[in-house]
Protein backbone atom coordinates (compact mmCIF):
# COMPACT_ATOMS: atom_id res chain seq x y z
CA MET A 1 38.24 92.46 -158.32
CA LYS A 2 34.58 92.91 -159.03
CA ILE A 3 33.64 92.96 -155.35
CA LYS A 4 36.02 95.86 -154.78
CA ILE A 5 34.55 97.75 -157.74
CA ALA A 6 30.98 97.19 -156.52
CA ARG A 7 31.88 98.44 -153.04
CA ARG A 8 33.54 101.54 -154.48
CA GLU A 9 30.50 102.24 -156.69
CA ALA A 10 28.22 102.09 -153.64
CA LYS A 11 30.49 104.54 -151.83
CA GLU A 12 30.52 106.92 -154.80
CA SER A 13 26.74 106.70 -155.10
CA VAL A 14 26.36 107.90 -151.52
CA HIS A 15 28.77 110.75 -152.21
CA PHE A 16 26.82 111.98 -155.24
CA LEU A 17 23.49 111.57 -153.46
CA ASP A 18 24.85 113.82 -150.71
CA LEU A 19 25.64 116.48 -153.33
CA MET A 20 22.09 116.58 -154.71
CA LEU A 21 19.99 119.68 -154.13
CA LEU A 22 16.43 118.78 -153.15
CA TYR A 23 14.99 122.26 -152.56
CA GLY A 24 13.02 121.14 -149.52
CA ASP A 25 11.10 118.35 -151.27
CA ASP A 26 10.28 115.87 -148.50
CA GLN A 27 9.48 113.01 -150.91
CA LEU A 28 12.87 113.32 -152.61
CA GLU A 29 14.60 113.51 -149.24
CA LYS A 30 12.87 110.31 -148.14
CA GLU A 31 13.86 108.48 -151.35
CA ARG A 32 17.44 109.73 -151.10
CA ALA A 33 17.69 108.56 -147.49
CA GLU A 34 16.42 105.10 -148.47
CA ILE A 35 18.93 104.80 -151.32
CA ILE A 36 21.79 105.97 -149.10
CA ASP A 37 20.78 103.35 -146.53
CA GLU A 38 20.72 100.62 -149.19
CA ALA A 39 24.16 101.64 -150.47
CA GLY A 40 25.48 101.48 -146.91
CA GLN A 41 24.03 97.99 -146.51
CA ILE A 42 25.67 96.89 -149.77
CA ARG A 43 29.02 98.16 -148.54
CA LYS A 44 28.58 96.34 -145.23
CA ILE A 45 27.76 93.11 -147.08
CA LEU A 46 30.67 93.34 -149.53
CA SER A 47 33.37 94.46 -147.07
CA PRO A 48 33.71 91.11 -145.23
CA PHE A 49 33.97 89.25 -148.55
CA LEU A 50 36.76 91.55 -149.67
CA ILE A 51 38.58 91.25 -146.34
CA ASN A 52 38.39 87.44 -146.43
CA LEU A 53 39.52 87.25 -150.03
CA THR A 54 42.58 89.39 -149.46
CA LYS A 55 43.36 87.53 -146.22
CA ASN A 56 43.05 84.09 -147.83
CA GLN A 57 44.78 85.00 -151.06
CA ASP A 58 48.20 84.18 -149.60
CA LYS A 59 47.08 80.84 -148.17
CA ASP A 60 46.86 77.49 -149.95
CA SER A 61 45.21 78.83 -153.11
CA PRO A 62 46.98 77.59 -156.26
CA VAL A 63 44.93 80.05 -158.35
CA PRO A 64 44.73 83.74 -157.42
CA CYS A 65 41.40 84.71 -155.85
CA SER A 66 40.87 87.40 -158.46
CA LEU A 67 40.41 84.69 -161.08
CA TYR A 68 37.46 83.28 -159.14
CA LEU A 69 35.68 86.61 -159.24
CA GLU A 70 35.93 87.34 -162.95
């Protein structure tokens, strides 16, 4: 599912941003913190969609939910 992939990409982005060496540059640290915050917000937005899709997939849907997302 594309939502699941997008959520995973946001998580991986935070991981790689944490690995970056900034050598004490305050401007880079500020930008990195903003991007990490945005990635966290994206994950928080996508998580409920993914939970609802997997929960509702077994209910009255004649077509699998994954087909709606492609």
